[in-house]
Protein backbone atom coordinates (compact mmCIF):
# COMPACT_ATOMS: atom_id res chain seq x y z
CA MET A 1 66.75 235.48 27.66
CA ASN A 2 63.63 234.70 25.67
CA GLU A 3 63.99 233.52 22.06
CA ARG A 4 61.94 236.52 20.89
CA SER A 5 64.47 239.08 22.12
CA ALA A 6 65.65 241.45 19.40
CA PHE A 7 69.15 241.33 20.87
CA ARG A 8 69.50 237.56 21.03
CA THR A 9 72.75 236.41 19.40
CA ASP A 10 72.41 232.66 19.07
CA ARG A 11 68.94 232.31 17.52
CA PRO A 12 67.19 234.42 14.85
CA MET A 13 63.74 235.83 15.42
CA ARG A 14 60.82 233.98 13.90
CA GLU A 15 59.03 237.13 12.89
CA THR A 16 59.93 239.13 9.82
CA TYR A 17 61.85 242.37 9.94
CA LEU A 18 62.73 244.93 7.30
CA LYS A 19 66.48 244.73 6.94
CA SER A 20 68.62 247.42 5.33
CA VAL A 21 71.59 246.70 3.14
CA SER A 22 74.67 247.91 4.96
CA ASN A 23 76.86 249.58 2.33
CA PRO A 24 79.20 252.30 3.62
CA GLY A 25 77.61 255.69 3.15
CA ASP A 26 74.31 254.19 1.99
CA LEU A 27 71.45 252.86 4.06
CA GLY A 28 70.00 251.02 1.08
CA ILE A 29 66.31 250.41 1.45
CA ASP A 30 65.38 246.77 1.01
CA ILE A 31 61.82 245.93 1.94
CA GLN A 32 62.21 242.18 1.68
CA GLY A 33 61.20 240.49 4.94
CA VAL A 34 63.96 238.58 6.71
CA GLU A 35 64.25 237.10 10.17
CA MET A 36 65.21 239.51 12.94
CA SER A 37 68.64 238.78 14.34
CA HIS A 38 71.32 240.29 16.55
CA SER A 39 73.11 241.57 13.46
CA ASP A 40 69.98 243.43 12.28
CA LEU A 41 69.97 245.50 15.45
CA SER A 42 73.69 246.09 15.03
CA VAL A 43 72.90 247.47 11.55
CA VAL A 44 70.40 249.90 13.11
CA TYR A 45 73.04 250.95 15.63
CA MET A 46 75.58 251.53 12.88
CA ASP A 47 73.01 253.49 10.86
CA LEU A 48 72.53 255.74 13.89
CA ALA A 49 76.30 256.15 14.16
CA ARG A 50 76.41 257.16 10.47
CA LEU A 51 73.69 259.76 11.02
CA GLU A 52 75.49 261.11 14.06
CA LYS A 53 78.79 261.35 12.19
CA LEU A 54 77.27 263.20 9.24
CA LEU A 55 75.39 265.64 11.46
CA ARG A 56 78.57 266.33 13.46
CA GLU A 57 80.51 266.98 10.24
CA LEU A 58 77.79 269.32 8.95
CA ALA A 59 77.77 271.22 12.25
CA ASP A 60 81.55 271.63 12.07
CA GLN A 61 81.57 272.84 8.45
CA GLU A 62 79.25 275.82 8.77
CA PRO A 63 79.74 278.97 10.88
CA ASP A 64 76.33 278.50 12.52
CA GLY A 65 76.37 274.75 11.99
CA PHE A 66 75.68 273.87 15.59
CA ILE A 67 72.51 275.93 15.53
CA LYS A 68 71.32 274.19 12.37
CA TRP A 69 72.56 270.63 12.99
CA GLY A 70 73.50 270.38 16.68
CA ILE A 71 70.14 269.35 18.11
CA ALA A 72 69.70 266.63 15.51
CA GLU A 73 73.25 265.38 16.15
CA GLY A 74 72.56 265.25 19.87
CA GLU A 75 69.40 263.23 19.34
CA ALA A 76 71.25 260.76 17.10
CA SER A 77 73.81 260.36 19.87
CA HIS A 78 71.10 259.89 22.50
CA ALA A 79 69.36 257.29 20.33
CA ARG A 80 72.58 255.33 19.85
CA HIS A 81 73.35 255.48 23.55
CA ALA A 82 69.81 254.34 24.39
CA LEU A 83 70.49 251.10 22.51
CA GLU A 84 73.65 250.66 24.56
CA THR A 85 71.53 250.53 27.73
CA ALA A 86 69.68 247.39 26.65
CA ALA A 87 70.11 244.41 28.93
CA SER A 88 71.36 242.24 26.07
CA ARG A 89 72.99 244.95 24.01
CA PRO A 90 74.83 243.92 20.84
CA GLU A 91 78.58 244.31 20.57
CA LEU A 92 79.16 247.38 18.44
CA LEU A 93 82.03 249.34 16.95
CA PRO A 94 80.78 252.85 16.09
CA ASP A 95 84.25 254.23 15.37
CA SER A 96 84.45 252.49 11.98
CA VAL A 97 81.45 254.09 10.28
CA THR A 98 81.22 256.03 7.05
CA ALA A 99 78.94 259.05 7.11
CA LEU A 100 75.77 259.32 5.06
CA ALA A 101 75.19 261.92 2.39
CA GLU A 102 73.25 264.99 3.56
CA ASP A 103 70.19 264.15 1.46
CA GLU A 104 69.95 260.73 3.15
CA ILE A 105 69.38 262.10 6.67
CA ALA A 106 65.57 262.34 6.72
CA PRO A 107 64.89 259.03 4.93
CA ALA A 108 67.48 257.31 7.13
CA ALA A 109 65.89 258.68 10.29
CA ASP A 110 62.45 257.48 9.20
CA GLN A 111 63.77 254.02 8.37
CA ILE A 112 65.73 253.71 11.61
CA ALA A 113 62.75 254.80 13.72
CA GLN A 114 60.57 252.12 12.14
CA LYS A 115 63.24 249.47 12.68
CA LEU A 116 63.53 250.43 16.34
CA ILE A 117 59.77 250.22 16.82
CA ASP A 118 59.73 246.81 15.11
CA ALA A 119 62.61 245.65 17.33
CA ALA A 120 60.71 246.82 20.42
CA ASP A 121 57.72 244.73 19.32
CA LEU A 122 59.97 241.67 19.10
CA ALA A 123 61.85 242.26 22.36
CA ALA A 124 60.84 239.97 25.20
CA ASP A 125 63.06 241.59 27.83
CA PRO A 126 61.50 244.83 29.17
CA ALA A 127 64.92 246.52 29.25
CA ASP A 128 65.46 245.72 25.57
CA LYS A 129 61.98 246.98 24.69
CA PHE A 130 62.58 250.20 26.65
CA ALA A 131 65.98 250.77 25.03
CA CYS A 132 64.51 250.39 21.53
CA LEU A 133 61.56 252.68 22.26
CA GLN A 134 63.79 255.28 23.91
CA ALA A 135 66.09 255.21 20.87
CA ALA A 136 63.05 255.57 18.56
CA LEU A 137 61.92 258.60 20.59
CA HIS A 138 65.28 260.28 20.08
CA VAL A 139 65.24 259.49 16.35
CA GLY A 140 61.79 261.10 16.17
CA ARG A 141 63.19 264.19 17.87
CA LEU A 142 66.11 264.15 15.43
CA ARG A 143 63.61 264.12 12.56
CA ASP A 144 61.67 267.01 14.13
CA ALA A 145 64.89 269.00 14.51
CA LEU A 146 65.51 268.70 10.77
CA GLY A 147 62.26 270.52 10.09
């Protein structure tokens, strides 16, 4: 695998990437440039899992919750699964995530979409690039579903 792959585990990327702070329940926006690494993409994956978990909980809490939140939850799931199709996918544990707060959904989706596009730019392997872009597409649809 090429050194520029966004999924590479043994060498960091040489290009800068906007990394989020990974506090449970908080995406934390940190716009300091850092090198792209395998763990950065794992953070994006976990952020998607947090979005998915929150949207599922919101859908379950309201009588018509699936109508309001179901499409967005499905797109979060599709985005996360798209990353799993990458040729050099990171090892991930989505079962141990803490959900986001409801008011963090839209900003989180915007941030995740940008990270996925940036990761696609860095990916050397076409399968990795496709997985990132496909995930970004689903995050865009998630954002559209929120209104």
